[in-house]
PDB file of N, CA and C in Angstrom:
ATOM      1  N   TYR A   1      -0.968  10.561 125.781  1.00  0.00           N
ATOM      2  CA  TYR A   1      -1.233  10.469 124.347  1.00  0.00           C
ATOM      3  C   TYR A   1      -0.384   9.310 123.801  1.00  0.00           C
ATOM      4  N   ASN A   2       0.700   9.061 124.223  1.00  0.00           N
ATOM      5  CA  ASN A   2       1.475   7.951 123.758  1.00  0.00           C
ATOM      6  C   ASN A   2       0.833   6.677 123.946  1.00  0.00           C
ATOM      7  N   SER A   3       0.204   6.387 125.055  1.00  0.00           N
ATOM      8  CA  SER A   3      -0.473   5.237 125.358  1.00  0.00           C
ATOM      9  C   SER A   3      -1.620   4.990 124.552  1.00  0.00           C
ATOM     10  N   LYS A   4      -2.273   6.064 124.122  1.00  0.00           N
ATOM     11  CA  LYS A   4      -3.383   5.935 123.227  1.00  0.00           C
ATOM     12  C   LYS A   4      -3.038   5.941 121.700  1.00  0.00           C
ATOM     13  N   GLY A   5      -1.763   5.960 121.471  1.00  0.00           N
ATOM     14  CA  GLY A   5      -1.402   5.910 120.114  1.00  0.00           C
ATOM     15  C   GLY A   5      -1.365   7.130 119.271  1.00  0.00           C
ATOM     16  N   ASP A   6      -1.672   8.229 120.055  1.00  0.00           N
ATOM     17  CA  ASP A   6      -1.728   9.581 119.449  1.00  0.00           C
ATOM     18  C   ASP A   6      -0.268  10.165 119.402  1.00  0.00           C
ATOM     19  N   TYR A   7       0.488   9.665 118.449  1.00  0.00           N
ATOM     20  CA  TYR A   7       1.992  10.099 118.594  1.00  0.00           C
ATOM     21  C   TYR A   7       2.226  11.397 118.177  1.00  0.00           C
ATOM     22  N   ASP A   8       1.430  12.017 117.349  1.00  0.00           N
ATOM     23  CA  ASP A   8       1.677  13.442 117.013  1.00  0.00           C
ATOM     24  C   ASP A   8       1.570  14.388 118.203  1.00  0.00           C
ATOM     25  N   ARG A   9       0.390  14.065 118.970  1.00  0.00           N
ATOM     26  CA  ARG A   9       0.136  14.867 120.111  1.00  0.00           C
ATOM     27  C   ARG A   9       1.218  14.535 121.313  1.00  0.00           C
ATOM     28  N   ALA A  10       1.534  13.281 121.360  1.00  0.00           N
ATOM     29  CA  ALA A  10       2.621  12.961 122.403  1.00  0.00           C
ATOM     30  C   ALA A  10       3.895  13.600 122.082  1.00  0.00           C
ATOM     31  N   LEU A  11       4.265  13.618 120.788  1.00  0.00           N
ATOM     32  CA  LEU A  11       5.557  14.178 120.392  1.00  0.00           C
ATOM     33  C   LEU A  11       5.518  15.768 120.629  1.00  0.00           C
ATOM     34  N   GLU A  12       4.346  16.338 120.447  1.00  0.00           N
ATOM     35  CA  GLU A  12       4.177  17.730 120.679  1.00  0.00           C
ATOM     36  C   GLU A  12       4.539  18.088 122.168  1.00  0.00           C
ATOM     37  N   TYR A  13       3.977  17.249 123.048  1.00  0.00           N
ATOM     38  CA  TYR A  13       4.180  17.556 124.530  1.00  0.00           C
ATOM     39  C   TYR A  13       5.607  17.137 125.014  1.00  0.00           C
ATOM     40  N   TYR A  14       6.052  16.027 124.397  1.00  0.00           N
ATOM     41  CA  TYR A  14       7.500  15.579 124.833  1.00  0.00           C
ATOM     42  C   TYR A  14       8.479  16.710 124.337  1.00  0.00           C
ATOM     43  N   GLU A  15       8.289  17.258 123.198  1.00  0.00           N
ATOM     44  CA  GLU A  15       9.211  18.401 122.755  1.00  0.00           C
ATOM     45  C   GLU A  15       9.109  19.536 123.731  1.00  0.00           C
ATOM     46  N   LYS A  16       7.964  19.880 124.088  1.00  0.00           N
ATOM     47  CA  LYS A  16       7.833  21.057 125.075  1.00  0.00           C
ATOM     48  C   LYS A  16       8.516  20.637 126.486  1.00  0.00           C
ATOM     49  N   ALA A  17       8.281  19.495 126.867  1.00  0.00           N
ATOM     50  CA  ALA A  17       8.893  19.014 128.191  1.00  0.00           C
ATOM     51  C   ALA A  17      10.410  18.928 127.999  1.00  0.00           C
ATOM     52  N   LEU A  18      10.879  18.426 126.937  1.00  0.00           N
ATOM     53  CA  LEU A  18      12.320  18.358 126.760  1.00  0.00           C
ATOM     54  C   LEU A  18      13.070  19.756 126.730  1.00  0.00           C
ATOM     55  N   ASP A  19      12.361  20.656 126.021  1.00  0.00           N
ATOM     56  CA  ASP A  19      12.885  22.007 125.969  1.00  0.00           C
ATOM     57  C   ASP A  19      12.949  22.587 127.356  1.00  0.00           C
ATOM     58  N   ILE A  20      11.811  22.351 128.152  1.00  0.00           N
ATOM     59  CA  ILE A  20      11.888  22.932 129.452  1.00  0.00           C
ATOM     60  C   ILE A  20      12.966  22.348 130.368  1.00  0.00           C
ATOM     61  N   ALA A  21      13.033  20.975 130.277  1.00  0.00           N
ATOM     62  CA  ALA A  21      14.045  20.336 131.074  1.00  0.00           C
ATOM     63  C   ALA A  21      15.404  20.685 130.694  1.00  0.00           C
ATOM     64  N   ILE A  22      15.715  20.852 129.529  1.00  0.00           N
ATOM     65  CA  ILE A  22      17.095  21.225 129.032  1.00  0.00           C
ATOM     66  C   ILE A  22      17.362  22.738 129.586  1.00  0.00           C
ATOM     67  N   SER A  23      16.425  23.605 129.524  1.00  0.00           N
ATOM     68  CA  SER A  23      16.586  24.918 129.983  1.00  0.00           C
ATOM     69  C   SER A  23      16.797  25.058 131.447  1.00  0.00           C
ATOM     70  N   LEU A  24      15.992  24.128 132.229  1.00  0.00           N
ATOM     71  CA  LEU A  24      16.090  24.383 133.683  1.00  0.00           C
ATOM     72  C   LEU A  24      17.081  23.342 134.255  1.00  0.00           C
ATOM     73  N   LEU A  25      17.182  22.151 133.696  1.00  0.00           N
ATOM     74  CA  LEU A  25      18.016  21.180 134.371  1.00  0.00           C
ATOM     75  C   LEU A  25      19.340  20.930 133.653  1.00  0.00           C
ATOM     76  N   GLY A  26      19.364  21.081 132.362  1.00  0.00           N
ATOM     77  CA  GLY A  26      20.600  20.790 131.596  1.00  0.00           C
ATOM     78  C   GLY A  26      20.410  19.600 130.892  1.00  0.00           C
ATOM     79  N   VAL A  27      21.262  19.259 129.959  1.00  0.00           N
ATOM     80  CA  VAL A  27      21.160  18.120 129.150  1.00  0.00           C
ATOM     81  C   VAL A  27      21.515  16.752 129.819  1.00  0.00           C
ATOM     82  N   GLY A  28      22.467  16.985 130.871  1.00  0.00           N
ATOM     83  CA  GLY A  28      22.982  15.827 131.416  1.00  0.00           C
ATOM     84  C   GLY A  28      22.143  15.309 132.666  1.00  0.00           C
ATOM     85  N   HIS A  29      21.060  16.063 132.984  1.00  0.00           N
ATOM     86  CA  HIS A  29      20.257  15.638 134.147  1.00  0.00           C
ATOM     87  C   HIS A  29      19.456  14.418 133.918  1.00  0.00           C
ATOM     88  N   PRO A  30      19.384  13.463 134.870  1.00  0.00           N
ATOM     89  CA  PRO A  30      18.679  12.240 134.689  1.00  0.00           C
ATOM     90  C   PRO A  30      17.110  12.389 134.191  1.00  0.00           C
ATOM     91  N   ASN A  31      16.532  13.429 134.683  1.00  0.00           N
ATOM     92  CA  ASN A  31      15.159  13.663 134.205  1.00  0.00           C
ATOM     93  C   ASN A  31      15.026  14.112 132.865  1.00  0.00           C
ATOM     94  N   THR A  32      15.968  14.890 132.391  1.00  0.00           N
ATOM     95  CA  THR A  32      16.089  15.277 130.952  1.00  0.00           C
ATOM     96  C   THR A  32      16.284  14.041 130.100  1.00  0.00           C
ATOM     97  N   ARG A  33      17.131  13.266 130.529  1.00  0.00           N
ATOM     98  CA  ARG A  33      17.459  11.982 129.816  1.00  0.00           C
ATOM     99  C   ARG A  33      16.167  11.093 129.691  1.00  0.00           C
ATOM    100  N   ALA A  34      15.405  10.948 130.843  1.00  0.00           N
ATOM    101  CA  ALA A  34      14.125  10.179 130.837  1.00  0.00           C
ATOM    102  C   ALA A  34      13.140  10.635 129.854  1.00  0.00           C
ATOM    103  N   ILE A  35      13.024  11.929 129.827  1.00  0.00           N
ATOM    104  CA  ILE A  35      12.159  12.573 128.752  1.00  0.00           C
ATOM    105  C   ILE A  35      12.622  12.259 127.440  1.00  0.00           C
ATOM    106  N   ALA A  36      13.897  12.395 127.102  1.00  0.00           N
ATOM    107  CA  ALA A  36      14.364  12.092 125.811  1.00  0.00           C
ATOM    108  C   ALA A  36      14.258  10.617 125.458  1.00  0.00           C
ATOM    109  N   GLU A  37      14.383   9.668 126.454  1.00  0.00           N
ATOM    110  CA  GLU A  37      14.169   8.360 126.144  1.00  0.00           C
ATOM    111  C   GLU A  37      12.735   8.001 125.771  1.00  0.00           C
ATOM    112  N   ASN A  38      11.820   8.634 126.542  1.00  0.00           N
ATOM    113  CA  ASN A  38      10.412   8.411 126.291  1.00  0.00           C
ATOM    114  C   ASN A  38      10.020   8.946 124.877  1.00  0.00           C
ATOM    115  N   MET A  39      10.499  10.180 124.639  1.00  0.00           N
ATOM    116  CA  MET A  39      10.351  10.869 123.378  1.00  0.00           C
ATOM    117  C   MET A  39      10.921   9.945 122.225  1.00  0.00           C
ATOM    118  N   LEU A  40      12.117   9.381 122.504  1.00  0.00           N
ATOM    119  CA  LEU A  40      12.737   8.499 121.435  1.00  0.00           C
ATOM    120  C   LEU A  40      11.744   7.306 121.010  1.00  0.00           C
ATOM    121  N   TYR A  41      11.063   6.783 121.997  1.00  0.00           N
ATOM    122  CA  TYR A  41      10.115   5.803 121.652  1.00  0.00           C
ATOM    123  C   TYR A  41       9.058   6.227 120.603  1.00  0.00           C
ATOM    124  N   VAL A  42       8.585   7.500 120.837  1.00  0.00           N
ATOM    125  CA  VAL A  42       7.588   7.945 119.838  1.00  0.00           C
ATOM    126  C   VAL A  42       8.271   8.285 118.516  1.00  0.00           C
ATOM    127  N   CYS A  43       9.430   8.776 118.579  1.00  0.00           N
ATOM    128  CA  CYS A  43      10.230   9.110 117.321  1.00  0.00           C
ATOM    129  C   CYS A  43      10.452   7.941 116.549  1.00  0.00           C
ATOM    130  N   GLU A  44      10.753   6.796 117.264  1.00  0.00           N
ATOM    131  CA  GLU A  44      11.085   5.564 116.446  1.00  0.00           C
ATOM    132  C   GLU A  44       9.688   4.979 115.938  1.00  0.00           C
ATOM    133  N   GLU A  45       8.529   5.196 116.676  1.00  0.00           N
ATOM    134  CA  GLU A  45       7.414   4.608 116.226  1.00  0.00           C
ATOM    135  C   GLU A  45       6.889   5.360 114.929  1.00  0.00           C
ATOM    136  N   THR A  46       7.227   6.643 114.864  1.00  0.00           N
ATOM    137  CA  THR A  46       6.779   7.444 113.699  1.00  0.00           C
ATOM    138  C   THR A  46       7.856   7.526 112.656  1.00  0.00           C
ATOM    139  N   GLU A  47       9.006   7.013 112.958  1.00  0.00           N
ATOM    140  CA  GLU A  47      10.113   7.052 111.982  1.00  0.00           C
ATOM    141  C   GLU A  47      10.581   8.445 111.672  1.00  0.00           C
ATOM    142  N   ASN A  48      10.533   9.300 112.636  1.00  0.00           N
ATOM    143  CA  ASN A  48      10.973  10.671 112.538  1.00  0.00           C
ATOM    144  C   ASN A  48      12.401  10.761 112.740  1.00  0.00           C
ATOM    145  N   THR A  49      13.233  10.759 111.800  1.00  0.00           N
ATOM    146  CA  THR A  49      14.679  10.758 111.879  1.00  0.00           C
ATOM    147  C   THR A  49      15.246  11.995 112.523  1.00  0.00           C
ATOM    148  N   LYS A  50      14.718  13.135 112.297  1.00  0.00           N
ATOM    149  CA  LYS A  50      15.320  14.305 112.911  1.00  0.00           C
ATOM    150  C   LYS A  50      15.080  14.264 114.556  1.00  0.00           C
ATOM    151  N   CYS A  51      13.946  13.769 114.880  1.00  0.00           N
ATOM    152  CA  CYS A  51      13.594  13.579 116.356  1.00  0.00           C
ATOM    153  C   CYS A  51      14.560  12.439 116.881  1.00  0.00           C
ATOM    154  N   ILE A  52      14.736  11.433 116.178  1.00  0.00           N
ATOM    155  CA  ILE A  52      15.530  10.280 116.596  1.00  0.00           C
ATOM    156  C   ILE A  52      16.971  10.824 116.896  1.00  0.00           C
ATOM    157  N   GLU A  53      17.464  11.595 115.913  1.00  0.00           N
ATOM    158  CA  GLU A  53      18.843  12.192 116.137  1.00  0.00           C
ATOM    159  C   GLU A  53      18.959  13.152 117.390  1.00  0.00           C
ATOM    160  N   ARG A  54      17.859  13.947 117.602  1.00  0.00           N
ATOM    161  CA  ARG A  54      17.859  14.821 118.687  1.00  0.00           C
ATOM    162  C   ARG A  54      17.885  14.046 120.057  1.00  0.00           C
ATOM    163  N   CYS A  55      17.053  13.087 120.160  1.00  0.00           N
ATOM    164  CA  CYS A  55      17.010  12.248 121.360  1.00  0.00           C
ATOM    165  C   CYS A  55      18.203  11.447 121.557  1.00  0.00           C
ATOM    166  N   MET A  56      18.816  10.848 120.488  1.00  0.00           N
ATOM    167  CA  MET A  56      20.025  10.156 120.600  1.00  0.00           C
ATOM    168  C   MET A  56      21.225  11.007 121.084  1.00  0.00           C
ATOM    169  N   SER A  57      21.218  12.265 120.683  1.00  0.00           N
ATOM    170  CA  SER A  57      22.282  13.143 121.169  1.00  0.00           C
ATOM    171  C   SER A  57      22.233  13.302 122.740  1.00  0.00           C
ATOM    172  N   ILE A  58      21.061  13.198 123.236  1.00  0.00           N
ATOM    173  CA  ILE A  58      20.890  13.261 124.689  1.00  0.00           C
ATOM    174  C   ILE A  58      21.100  11.961 125.327  1.00  0.00           C
ATOM    175  N   VAL A  59      20.473  11.016 124.780  1.00  0.00           N
ATOM    176  CA  VAL A  59      20.457   9.642 125.387  1.00  0.00           C
ATOM    177  C   VAL A  59      21.767   8.825 125.205  1.00  0.00           C
ATOM    178  N   GLY A  60      22.355   9.063 124.028  1.00  0.00           N
ATOM    179  CA  GLY A  60      23.559   8.407 123.726  1.00  0.00           C
ATOM    180  C   GLY A  60      23.212   7.109 123.052  1.00  0.00           C
ATOM    181  N   GLU A  61      24.211   6.313 122.715  1.00  0.00           N
ATOM    182  CA  GLU A  61      24.029   5.017 122.126  1.00  0.00           C
ATOM    183  C   GLU A  61      23.447   4.045 123.017  1.00  0.00           C
ATOM    184  N   GLU A  62      23.836   4.172 124.297  1.00  0.00           N
ATOM    185  CA  GLU A  62      23.224   3.161 125.317  1.00  0.00           C
ATOM    186  C   GLU A  62      21.989   3.763 125.938  1.00  0.00           C
ATOM    187  N   LYS A  63      20.836   3.049 125.672  1.00  0.00           N
ATOM    188  CA  LYS A  63      19.614   3.485 126.303  1.00  0.00           C
ATOM    189  C   LYS A  63      19.575   2.925 127.731  1.00  0.00           C
ATOM    190  N   SER A  64      18.974   3.665 128.681  1.00  0.00           N
ATOM    191  CA  SER A  64      18.832   3.183 129.949  1.00  0.00           C
ATOM    192  C   SER A  64      17.645   2.345 130.062  1.00  0.00           C
ATOM    193  N   ASP A  65      17.271   1.875 131.252  1.00  0.00           N
ATOM    194  CA  ASP A  65      16.155   0.965 131.493  1.00  0.00           C
ATOM    195  C   ASP A  65      14.853   1.734 131.920  1.00  0.00           C
ATOM    196  N   VAL A  66      14.826   2.990 131.549  1.00  0.00           N
ATOM    197  CA  VAL A  66      13.642   3.773 131.919  1.00  0.00           C
ATOM    198  C   VAL A  66      12.521   3.328 131.049  1.00  0.00           C
ATOM    199  N   LYS A  67      11.363   2.980 131.655  1.00  0.00           N
ATOM    200  CA  LYS A  67      10.240   2.508 130.978  1.00  0.00           C
ATOM    201  C   LYS A  67       9.655   3.476 129.927  1.00  0.00           C
ATOM    202  N   LYS A  68       9.594   2.975 128.735  1.00  0.00           N
ATOM    203  CA  LYS A  68       9.142   3.722 127.550  1.00  0.00           C
ATOM    204  C   LYS A  68       7.643   4.015 127.544  1.00  0.00           C
ATOM    205  N   GLY A  69       7.254   5.202 127.114  1.00  0.00           N
ATOM    206  CA  GLY A  69       5.793   5.300 126.926  1.00  0.00           C
ATOM    207  C   GLY A  69       5.028   5.825 128.083  1.00  0.00           C
ATOM    208  N   LEU A  70       5.733   6.305 129.118  1.00  0.00           N
ATOM    209  CA  LEU A  70       4.988   6.899 130.307  1.00  0.00           C
ATOM    210  C   LEU A  70       4.662   8.312 130.092  1.00  0.00           C
TER     211      LEU A  70
END
């Protein structure tokens, strides 16, 4: 959905994926971080400040080189 520009639907699924990853893997896990980084791209595109804050709390100030929008 992200690649198609359907950011609302992409955000819906990123939120579900992030919640699952946090509950199963924890906040510090690399896969959780990757989901948050990809979700952050959508948050920034839609200027969703609440979403940006949530993702940044996981990703931190330094973003990794995980490819966005996958």
